[in-house]
PDB file of all heavy atoms in Angstrom:
ATOM      1  N   TRP A   1       9.145 -77.752 -10.970  1.00  0.00           N
ATOM      2  CA  TRP A   1      10.558 -77.926 -10.613  1.00  0.00           C
ATOM      3  C   TRP A   1      10.775 -78.169  -9.121  1.00  0.00           C
ATOM      4  O   TRP A   1      11.770 -77.731  -8.543  1.00  0.00           O
ATOM      5  CB  TRP A   1      11.403 -76.732 -11.072  1.00  0.00           C
ATOM      6  CG  TRP A   1      11.192 -76.410 -12.514  1.00  0.00           C
ATOM      7  CD1 TRP A   1      11.560 -77.170 -13.583  1.00  0.00           C
ATOM      8  CD2 TRP A   1      10.530 -75.257 -13.041  1.00  0.00           C
ATOM      9  NE1 TRP A   1      11.173 -76.550 -14.751  1.00  0.00           N
ATOM     10  CE2 TRP A   1      10.532 -75.374 -14.444  1.00  0.00           C
ATOM     11  CE3 TRP A   1       9.929 -74.143 -12.475  1.00  0.00           C
ATOM     12  CZ2 TRP A   1       9.975 -74.426 -15.283  1.00  0.00           C
ATOM     13  CZ3 TRP A   1       9.371 -73.202 -13.306  1.00  0.00           C
ATOM     14  CH2 TRP A   1       9.393 -73.347 -14.692  1.00  0.00           C
ATOM     15  N   GLY A   2       9.834 -78.831  -8.489  1.00  0.00           N
ATOM     16  CA  GLY A   2       9.962 -79.137  -7.073  1.00  0.00           C
ATOM     17  C   GLY A   2       9.511 -78.030  -6.138  1.00  0.00           C
ATOM     18  O   GLY A   2       9.577 -78.172  -4.925  1.00  0.00           O
ATOM     19  N   ASN A   3       9.043 -76.893  -6.672  1.00  0.00           N
ATOM     20  CA  ASN A   3       8.530 -75.811  -5.825  1.00  0.00           C
ATOM     21  C   ASN A   3       7.204 -76.235  -5.205  1.00  0.00           C
ATOM     22  O   ASN A   3       6.467 -77.016  -5.790  1.00  0.00           O
ATOM     23  CB  ASN A   3       8.339 -74.533  -6.648  1.00  0.00           C
ATOM     24  CG  ASN A   3       9.644 -73.993  -7.179  1.00  0.00           C
ATOM     25  OD1 ASN A   3      10.662 -74.039  -6.494  1.00  0.00           O
ATOM     26  ND2 ASN A   3       9.624 -73.480  -8.386  1.00  0.00           N
ATOM     27  N   LYS A   4       6.914 -75.709  -4.031  1.00  0.00           N
ATOM     28  CA  LYS A   4       5.710 -76.125  -3.312  1.00  0.00           C
ATOM     29  C   LYS A   4       4.860 -74.940  -2.845  1.00  0.00           C
ATOM     30  O   LYS A   4       4.222 -74.996  -1.816  1.00  0.00           O
ATOM     31  CB  LYS A   4       6.101 -76.994  -2.118  1.00  0.00           C
ATOM     32  CG  LYS A   4       6.884 -78.234  -2.538  1.00  0.00           C
ATOM     33  CD  LYS A   4       6.822 -79.320  -1.517  1.00  0.00           C
ATOM     34  CE  LYS A   4       7.628 -80.532  -1.859  1.00  0.00           C
ATOM     35  NZ  LYS A   4       7.520 -81.051  -3.178  1.00  0.00           N
ATOM     36  N   ALA A   5       4.844 -73.857  -3.611  1.00  0.00           N
ATOM     37  CA  ALA A   5       4.039 -72.691  -3.242  1.00  0.00           C
ATOM     38  C   ALA A   5       2.567 -72.943  -3.550  1.00  0.00           C
ATOM     39  O   ALA A   5       2.240 -73.593  -4.548  1.00  0.00           O
ATOM     40  CB  ALA A   5       4.518 -71.462  -4.001  1.00  0.00           C
ATOM     41  N   PRO A   6       1.683 -72.435  -2.717  1.00  0.00           N
ATOM     42  CA  PRO A   6       0.249 -72.552  -3.006  1.00  0.00           C
ATOM     43  C   PRO A   6      -0.111 -71.736  -4.254  1.00  0.00           C
ATOM     44  O   PRO A   6       0.651 -70.866  -4.668  1.00  0.00           O
ATOM     45  CB  PRO A   6      -0.422 -71.954  -1.765  1.00  0.00           C
ATOM     46  CG  PRO A   6       0.635 -71.826  -0.742  1.00  0.00           C
ATOM     47  CD  PRO A   6       1.940 -71.773  -1.448  1.00  0.00           C
ATOM     48  N   PRO A   7      -1.264 -71.988  -4.833  1.00  0.00           N
ATOM     49  CA  PRO A   7      -1.671 -71.239  -6.030  1.00  0.00           C
ATOM     50  C   PRO A   7      -1.866 -69.749  -5.742  1.00  0.00           C
ATOM     51  O   PRO A   7      -2.166 -69.352  -4.619  1.00  0.00           O
ATOM     52  CB  PRO A   7      -2.993 -71.876  -6.433  1.00  0.00           C
ATOM     53  CG  PRO A   7      -3.326 -72.883  -5.411  1.00  0.00           C
ATOM     54  CD  PRO A   7      -2.223 -72.982  -4.431  1.00  0.00           C
ATOM     55  N   VAL A   8      -1.699 -68.952  -6.781  1.00  0.00           N
ATOM     56  CA  VAL A   8      -1.964 -67.515  -6.732  1.00  0.00           C
ATOM     57  C   VAL A   8      -3.291 -67.294  -7.452  1.00  0.00           C
ATOM     58  O   VAL A   8      -3.511 -67.855  -8.524  1.00  0.00           O
ATOM     59  CB  VAL A   8      -0.832 -66.728  -7.434  1.00  0.00           C
ATOM     60  CG1 VAL A   8      -1.160 -65.237  -7.486  1.00  0.00           C
ATOM     61  CG2 VAL A   8       0.497 -66.960  -6.725  1.00  0.00           C
ATOM     62  N   SER A   9      -4.158 -66.486  -6.885  1.00  0.00           N
ATOM     63  CA  SER A   9      -5.464 -66.258  -7.507  1.00  0.00           C
ATOM     64  C   SER A   9      -5.471 -64.964  -8.318  1.00  0.00           C
ATOM     65  O   SER A   9      -4.703 -64.033  -8.055  1.00  0.00           O
ATOM     66  CB  SER A   9      -6.559 -66.187  -6.441  1.00  0.00           C
ATOM     67  OG  SER A   9      -6.482 -64.964  -5.738  1.00  0.00           O
ATOM     68  N   ALA A  10      -6.362 -64.921  -9.290  1.00  0.00           N
ATOM     69  CA  ALA A  10      -6.539 -63.704 -10.081  1.00  0.00           C
ATOM     70  C   ALA A  10      -6.995 -62.547  -9.192  1.00  0.00           C
ATOM     71  O   ALA A  10      -6.634 -61.390  -9.442  1.00  0.00           O
ATOM     72  CB  ALA A  10      -7.549 -63.956 -11.200  1.00  0.00           C
ATOM     73  N   ASP A  11      -7.750 -62.843  -8.132  1.00  0.00           N
ATOM     74  CA  ASP A  11      -8.191 -61.791  -7.209  1.00  0.00           C
ATOM     75  C   ASP A  11      -7.011 -61.155  -6.472  1.00  0.00           C
ATOM     76  O   ASP A  11      -7.006 -59.948  -6.227  1.00  0.00           O
ATOM     77  CB  ASP A  11      -9.204 -62.327  -6.201  1.00  0.00           C
ATOM     78  CG  ASP A  11     -10.567 -62.582  -6.825  1.00  0.00           C
ATOM     79  OD1 ASP A  11     -10.860 -62.010  -7.905  1.00  0.00           O
ATOM     80  OD2 ASP A  11     -11.341 -63.361  -6.238  1.00  0.00           O
ATOM     81  N   GLU A  12      -6.010 -61.969  -6.117  1.00  0.00           N
ATOM     82  CA  GLU A  12      -4.810 -61.426  -5.471  1.00  0.00           C
ATOM     83  C   GLU A  12      -4.080 -60.484  -6.432  1.00  0.00           C
ATOM     84  O   GLU A  12      -3.641 -59.403  -6.036  1.00  0.00           O
ATOM     85  CB  GLU A  12      -3.861 -62.548  -5.046  1.00  0.00           C
ATOM     86  CG  GLU A  12      -4.369 -63.371  -3.886  1.00  0.00           C
ATOM     87  CD  GLU A  12      -3.466 -64.551  -3.610  1.00  0.00           C
ATOM     88  OE1 GLU A  12      -3.391 -65.466  -4.447  1.00  0.00           O
ATOM     89  OE2 GLU A  12      -2.828 -64.538  -2.540  1.00  0.00           O
ATOM     90  N   VAL A  13      -3.948 -60.914  -7.681  1.00  0.00           N
ATOM     91  CA  VAL A  13      -3.280 -60.081  -8.680  1.00  0.00           C
ATOM     92  C   VAL A  13      -4.068 -58.791  -8.882  1.00  0.00           C
ATOM     93  O   VAL A  13      -3.491 -57.696  -8.905  1.00  0.00           O
ATOM     94  CB  VAL A  13      -3.115 -60.839 -10.016  1.00  0.00           C
ATOM     95  CG1 VAL A  13      -2.483 -59.935 -11.068  1.00  0.00           C
ATOM     96  CG2 VAL A  13      -2.284 -62.099  -9.820  1.00  0.00           C
ATOM     97  N   LYS A  14      -5.379 -58.907  -8.989  1.00  0.00           N
ATOM     98  CA  LYS A  14      -6.243 -57.733  -9.193  1.00  0.00           C
ATOM     99  C   LYS A  14      -6.078 -56.729  -8.048  1.00  0.00           C
ATOM    100  O   LYS A  14      -5.985 -55.520  -8.277  1.00  0.00           O
ATOM    101  CB  LYS A  14      -7.699 -58.180  -9.302  1.00  0.00           C
ATOM    102  CG  LYS A  14      -8.676 -57.055  -9.521  1.00  0.00           C
ATOM    103  CD  LYS A  14     -10.096 -57.577  -9.621  1.00  0.00           C
ATOM    104  CE  LYS A  14     -11.079 -56.446  -9.818  1.00  0.00           C
ATOM    105  NZ  LYS A  14     -12.465 -56.932  -9.908  1.00  0.00           N
ATOM    106  N   ALA A  15      -6.031 -57.224  -6.815  1.00  0.00           N
ATOM    107  CA  ALA A  15      -5.903 -56.335  -5.653  1.00  0.00           C
ATOM    108  C   ALA A  15      -4.567 -55.589  -5.677  1.00  0.00           C
ATOM    109  O   ALA A  15      -4.520 -54.382  -5.418  1.00  0.00           O
ATOM    110  CB  ALA A  15      -6.043 -57.143  -4.361  1.00  0.00           C
ATOM    111  N   ILE A  16      -3.504 -56.284  -5.995  1.00  0.00           N
ATOM    112  CA  ILE A  16      -2.191 -55.627  -6.023  1.00  0.00           C
ATOM    113  C   ILE A  16      -2.100 -54.699  -7.228  1.00  0.00           C
ATOM    114  O   ILE A  16      -1.558 -53.597  -7.126  1.00  0.00           O
ATOM    115  CB  ILE A  16      -1.053 -56.666  -5.990  1.00  0.00           C
ATOM    116  CG1 ILE A  16      -1.039 -57.314  -4.600  1.00  0.00           C
ATOM    117  CG2 ILE A  16       0.294 -56.017  -6.314  1.00  0.00           C
ATOM    118  CD1 ILE A  16      -0.020 -58.395  -4.408  1.00  0.00           C
ATOM    119  N   ARG A  17      -2.660 -55.111  -8.359  1.00  0.00           N
ATOM    120  CA  ARG A  17      -2.658 -54.230  -9.533  1.00  0.00           C
ATOM    121  C   ARG A  17      -3.334 -52.901  -9.189  1.00  0.00           C
ATOM    122  O   ARG A  17      -2.835 -51.829  -9.533  1.00  0.00           O
ATOM    123  CB  ARG A  17      -3.371 -54.906 -10.705  1.00  0.00           C
ATOM    124  CG  ARG A  17      -3.278 -54.110 -12.008  1.00  0.00           C
ATOM    125  CD  ARG A  17      -4.156 -54.718 -13.100  1.00  0.00           C
ATOM    126  NE  ARG A  17      -3.731 -55.997 -13.571  1.00  0.00           N
ATOM    127  CZ  ARG A  17      -2.940 -56.205 -14.629  1.00  0.00           C
ATOM    128  NH1 ARG A  17      -2.466 -55.183 -15.300  1.00  0.00           N
ATOM    129  NH2 ARG A  17      -2.638 -57.432 -15.005  1.00  0.00           N
ATOM    130  N   ALA A  18      -4.474 -52.966  -8.493  1.00  0.00           N
ATOM    131  CA  ALA A  18      -5.181 -51.740  -8.103  1.00  0.00           C
ATOM    132  C   ALA A  18      -4.366 -50.924  -7.101  1.00  0.00           C
ATOM    133  O   ALA A  18      -4.316 -49.691  -7.188  1.00  0.00           O
ATOM    134  CB  ALA A  18      -6.552 -52.098  -7.515  1.00  0.00           C
ATOM    135  N   GLU A  19      -3.728 -51.612  -6.169  1.00  0.00           N
ATOM    136  CA  GLU A  19      -2.947 -50.938  -5.129  1.00  0.00           C
ATOM    137  C   GLU A  19      -1.768 -50.155  -5.709  1.00  0.00           C
ATOM    138  O   GLU A  19      -1.426 -49.086  -5.214  1.00  0.00           O
ATOM    139  CB  GLU A  19      -2.435 -51.990  -4.140  1.00  0.00           C
ATOM    140  CG  GLU A  19      -1.621 -51.446  -2.998  1.00  0.00           C
ATOM    141  CD  GLU A  19      -1.113 -52.564  -2.108  1.00  0.00           C
ATOM    142  OE1 GLU A  19      -1.816 -53.575  -1.929  1.00  0.00           O
ATOM    143  OE2 GLU A  19       0.004 -52.415  -1.601  1.00  0.00           O
ATOM    144  N   ILE A  20      -1.153 -50.685  -6.762  1.00  0.00           N
ATOM    145  CA  ILE A  20       0.047 -50.048  -7.321  1.00  0.00           C
ATOM    146  C   ILE A  20      -0.210 -49.462  -8.712  1.00  0.00           C
ATOM    147  O   ILE A  20       0.718 -49.254  -9.495  1.00  0.00           O
ATOM    148  CB  ILE A  20       1.237 -51.040  -7.368  1.00  0.00           C
ATOM    149  CG1 ILE A  20       0.947 -52.228  -8.279  1.00  0.00           C
ATOM    150  CG2 ILE A  20       1.601 -51.486  -5.960  1.00  0.00           C
ATOM    151  CD1 ILE A  20       2.141 -53.126  -8.528  1.00  0.00           C
ATOM    152  N   ALA A  21      -1.469 -49.156  -9.016  1.00  0.00           N
ATOM    153  CA  ALA A  21      -1.855 -48.701 -10.360  1.00  0.00           C
ATOM    154  C   ALA A  21      -1.064 -47.485 -10.830  1.00  0.00           C
ATOM    155  O   ALA A  21      -0.770 -47.350 -12.016  1.00  0.00           O
ATOM    156  CB  ALA A  21      -3.351 -48.398 -10.400  1.00  0.00           C
ATOM    157  N   SER A  22      -0.690 -46.598  -9.940  1.00  0.00           N
ATOM    158  CA  SER A  22       0.019 -45.387 -10.356  1.00  0.00           C
ATOM    159  C   SER A  22       1.520 -45.600 -10.540  1.00  0.00           C
ATOM    160  O   SER A  22       2.208 -44.714 -11.041  1.00  0.00           O
ATOM    161  CB  SER A  22      -0.221 -44.265  -9.344  1.00  0.00           C
ATOM    162  OG  SER A  22       0.332 -44.628  -8.086  1.00  0.00           O
ATOM    163  N   ARG A  23       2.025 -46.743 -10.176  1.00  0.00           N
ATOM    164  CA  ARG A  23       3.460 -47.012 -10.303  1.00  0.00           C
ATOM    165  C   ARG A  23       3.801 -47.290 -11.762  1.00  0.00           C
ATOM    166  O   ARG A  23       3.169 -48.114 -12.402  1.00  0.00           O
ATOM    167  CB  ARG A  23       3.872 -48.197  -9.433  1.00  0.00           C
ATOM    168  CG  ARG A  23       5.373 -48.421  -9.440  1.00  0.00           C
ATOM    169  CD  ARG A  23       5.780 -49.581  -8.558  1.00  0.00           C
ATOM    170  NE  ARG A  23       7.209 -49.730  -8.568  1.00  0.00           N
ATOM    171  CZ  ARG A  23       8.047 -49.173  -7.690  1.00  0.00           C
ATOM    172  NH1 ARG A  23       7.571 -48.446  -6.708  1.00  0.00           N
ATOM    173  NH2 ARG A  23       9.345 -49.363  -7.794  1.00  0.00           N
ATOM    174  N   ASP A  24       4.837 -46.616 -12.264  1.00  0.00           N
ATOM    175  CA  ASP A  24       5.215 -46.802 -13.659  1.00  0.00           C
ATOM    176  C   ASP A  24       6.677 -47.216 -13.832  1.00  0.00           C
ATOM    177  O   ASP A  24       7.218 -47.141 -14.916  1.00  0.00           O
ATOM    178  CB  ASP A  24       4.927 -45.532 -14.470  1.00  0.00           C
ATOM    179  CG  ASP A  24       5.713 -44.333 -13.972  1.00  0.00           C
ATOM    180  OD1 ASP A  24       6.428 -44.451 -12.957  1.00  0.00           O
ATOM    181  OD2 ASP A  24       5.623 -43.268 -14.612  1.00  0.00           O
ATOM    182  N   GLN A  25       7.299 -47.663 -12.759  1.00  0.00           N
ATOM    183  CA  GLN A  25       8.700 -48.075 -12.856  1.00  0.00           C
ATOM    184  C   GLN A  25       8.889 -49.467 -12.277  1.00  0.00           C
ATOM    185  O   GLN A  25       8.055 -49.956 -11.520  1.00  0.00           O
ATOM    186  CB  GLN A  25       9.594 -47.079 -12.116  1.00  0.00           C
ATOM    187  CG  GLN A  25       9.373 -47.097 -10.616  1.00  0.00           C
ATOM    188  CD  GLN A  25       9.554 -45.744  -9.968  1.00  0.00           C
ATOM    189  OE1 GLN A  25       9.175 -44.735 -10.531  1.00  0.00           O
ATOM    190  NE2 GLN A  25      10.113 -45.718  -8.787  1.00  0.00           N
ATOM    191  N   ALA A  26      10.008 -50.079 -12.652  1.00  0.00           N
ATOM    192  CA  ALA A  26      10.346 -51.405 -12.145  1.00  0.00           C
ATOM    193  C   ALA A  26      10.682 -51.312 -10.659  1.00  0.00           C
ATOM    194  O   ALA A  26      11.097 -50.269 -10.153  1.00  0.00           O
ATOM    195  CB  ALA A  26      11.536 -51.974 -12.924  1.00  0.00           C
ATOM    196  N   TRP A  27      10.513 -52.419  -9.964  1.00  0.00           N
ATOM    197  CA  TRP A  27      10.868 -52.511  -8.549  1.00  0.00           C
ATOM    198  C   TRP A  27      12.375 -52.718  -8.419  1.00  0.00           C
ATOM    199  O   TRP A  27      13.006 -53.300  -9.289  1.00  0.00           O
ATOM    200  CB  TRP A  27      10.151 -53.695  -7.902  1.00  0.00           C
ATOM    201  CG  TRP A  27       8.668 -53.532  -7.876  1.00  0.00           C
ATOM    202  CD1 TRP A  27       7.778 -53.996  -8.797  1.00  0.00           C
ATOM    203  CD2 TRP A  27       7.904 -52.828  -6.914  1.00  0.00           C
ATOM    204  NE1 TRP A  27       6.507 -53.634  -8.452  1.00  0.00           N
ATOM    205  CE2 TRP A  27       6.559 -52.910  -7.300  1.00  0.00           C
ATOM    206  CE3 TRP A  27       8.229 -52.125  -5.759  1.00  0.00           C
ATOM    207  CZ2 TRP A  27       5.533 -52.325  -6.573  1.00  0.00           C
ATOM    208  CZ3 TRP A  27       7.200 -51.552  -5.036  1.00  0.00           C
ATOM    209  CH2 TRP A  27       5.880 -51.649  -5.438  1.00  0.00           C
ATOM    210  N   THR A  28      12.909 -52.274  -7.305  1.00  0.00           N
ATOM    211  CA  THR A  28      14.283 -52.613  -6.964  1.00  0.00           C
ATOM    212  C   THR A  28      14.225 -53.693  -5.888  1.00  0.00           C
ATOM    213  O   THR A  28      13.225 -53.791  -5.161  1.00  0.00           O
ATOM    214  CB  THR A  28      15.057 -51.399  -6.417  1.00  0.00           C
ATOM    215  OG1 THR A  28      14.476 -51.008  -5.157  1.00  0.00           O
ATOM    216  CG2 THR A  28      15.040 -50.231  -7.396  1.00  0.00           C
ATOM    217  N   PRO A  29      15.279 -54.481  -5.755  1.00  0.00           N
ATOM    218  CA  PRO A  29      15.280 -55.484  -4.692  1.00  0.00           C
ATOM    219  C   PRO A  29      15.051 -54.874  -3.303  1.00  0.00           C
ATOM    220  O   PRO A  29      14.328 -55.436  -2.496  1.00  0.00           O
ATOM    221  CB  PRO A  29      16.663 -56.122  -4.809  1.00  0.00           C
ATOM    222  CG  PRO A  29      16.980 -55.994  -6.272  1.00  0.00           C
ATOM    223  CD  PRO A  29      16.425 -54.641  -6.654  1.00  0.00           C
ATOM    224  N   ASP A  30      15.648 -53.711  -3.035  1.00  0.00           N
ATOM    225  CA  ASP A  30      15.469 -53.072  -1.722  1.00  0.00           C
ATOM    226  C   ASP A  30      14.008 -52.727  -1.461  1.00  0.00           C
ATOM    227  O   ASP A  30      13.515 -52.901  -0.342  1.00  0.00           O
ATOM    228  CB  ASP A  30      16.327 -51.810  -1.605  1.00  0.00           C
ATOM    229  CG  ASP A  30      17.805 -52.119  -1.478  1.00  0.00           C
ATOM    230  OD1 ASP A  30      18.165 -53.256  -1.106  1.00  0.00           O
ATOM    231  OD2 ASP A  30      18.609 -51.219  -1.750  1.00  0.00           O
ATOM    232  N   GLU A  31      13.302 -52.242  -2.467  1.00  0.00           N
ATOM    233  CA  GLU A  31      11.878 -51.931  -2.297  1.00  0.00           C
ATOM    234  C   GLU A  31      11.081 -53.197  -2.003  1.00  0.00           C
ATOM    235  O   GLU A  31      10.208 -53.199  -1.139  1.00  0.00           O
ATOM    236  CB  GLU A  31      11.309 -51.279  -3.561  1.00  0.00           C
ATOM    237  CG  GLU A  31      11.775 -49.878  -3.817  1.00  0.00           C
ATOM    238  CD  GLU A  31      11.263 -49.348  -5.136  1.00  0.00           C
ATOM    239  OE1 GLU A  31      11.391 -50.050  -6.170  1.00  0.00           O
ATOM    240  OE2 GLU A  31      10.726 -48.229  -5.129  1.00  0.00           O
ATOM    241  N   LEU A  32      11.385 -54.259  -2.732  1.00  0.00           N
ATOM    242  CA  LEU A  32      10.646 -55.509  -2.548  1.00  0.00           C
ATOM    243  C   LEU A  32      10.869 -56.113  -1.176  1.00  0.00           C
ATOM    244  O   LEU A  32       9.964 -56.713  -0.602  1.00  0.00           O
ATOM    245  CB  LEU A  32      11.032 -56.513  -3.634  1.00  0.00           C
ATOM    246  CG  LEU A  32      10.525 -56.179  -5.027  1.00  0.00           C
ATOM    247  CD1 LEU A  32      11.149 -57.118  -6.045  1.00  0.00           C
ATOM    248  CD2 LEU A  32       9.015 -56.237  -5.099  1.00  0.00           C
ATOM    249  N   LEU A  33      12.070 -55.963  -0.629  1.00  0.00           N
ATOM    250  CA  LEU A  33      12.357 -56.528   0.690  1.00  0.00           C
ATOM    251  C   LEU A  33      11.551 -55.857   1.793  1.00  0.00           C
ATOM    252  O   LEU A  33      11.390 -56.416   2.871  1.00  0.00           O
ATOM    253  CB  LEU A  33      13.852 -56.443   0.998  1.00  0.00           C
ATOM    254  CG  LEU A  33      14.712 -57.421   0.201  1.00  0.00           C
ATOM    255  CD1 LEU A  33      16.188 -57.151   0.453  1.00  0.00           C
ATOM    256  CD2 LEU A  33      14.354 -58.862   0.522  1.00  0.00           C
ATOM    257  N   LYS A  34      11.018 -54.682   1.528  1.00  0.00           N
ATOM    258  CA  LYS A  34      10.181 -53.979   2.510  1.00  0.00           C
ATOM    259  C   LYS A  34       8.741 -54.488   2.507  1.00  0.00           C
ATOM    260  O   LYS A  34       7.951 -54.126   3.365  1.00  0.00           O
ATOM    261  CB  LYS A  34      10.205 -52.479   2.232  1.00  0.00           C
ATOM    262  CG  LYS A  34      11.568 -51.869   2.452  1.00  0.00           C
ATOM    263  CD  LYS A  34      11.587 -50.417   2.068  1.00  0.00           C
ATOM    264  CE  LYS A  34      13.006 -49.870   2.203  1.00  0.00           C
ATOM    265  NZ  LYS A  34      13.131 -48.524   1.659  1.00  0.00           N
ATOM    266  N   ILE A  35       8.405 -55.329   1.534  1.00  0.00           N
ATOM    267  CA  ILE A  35       7.048 -55.860   1.411  1.00  0.00           C
ATOM    268  C   ILE A  35       6.999 -57.215   2.099  1.00  0.00           C
ATOM    269  O   ILE A  35       7.754 -58.117   1.740  1.00  0.00           O
ATOM    270  CB  ILE A  35       6.647 -55.991  -0.074  1.00  0.00           C
ATOM    271  CG1 ILE A  35       6.676 -54.616  -0.726  1.00  0.00           C
ATOM    272  CG2 ILE A  35       5.275 -56.643  -0.205  1.00  0.00           C
ATOM    273  CD1 ILE A  35       6.604 -54.653  -2.232  1.00  0.00           C
ATOM    274  N   PRO A  36       6.135 -57.391   3.101  1.00  0.00           N
ATOM    275  CA  PRO A  36       6.060 -58.681   3.795  1.00  0.00           C
ATOM    276  C   PRO A  36       5.724 -59.819   2.853  1.00  0.00           C
ATOM    277  O   PRO A  36       5.016 -59.645   1.866  1.00  0.00           O
ATOM    278  CB  PRO A  36       4.932 -58.477   4.810  1.00  0.00           C
ATOM    279  CG  PRO A  36       4.814 -57.009   4.975  1.00  0.00           C
ATOM    280  CD  PRO A  36       5.206 -56.415   3.644  1.00  0.00           C
TER     281      PRO A  36
END
């Protein structure tokens, strides 16, 4: 749809999955805005 983001790798997903493994709730927009 005209987006131009670079690809996301499975390794990136794996790293974040491990980093937030204990999280069991949805994110709020305010929480996400704190993430660079």
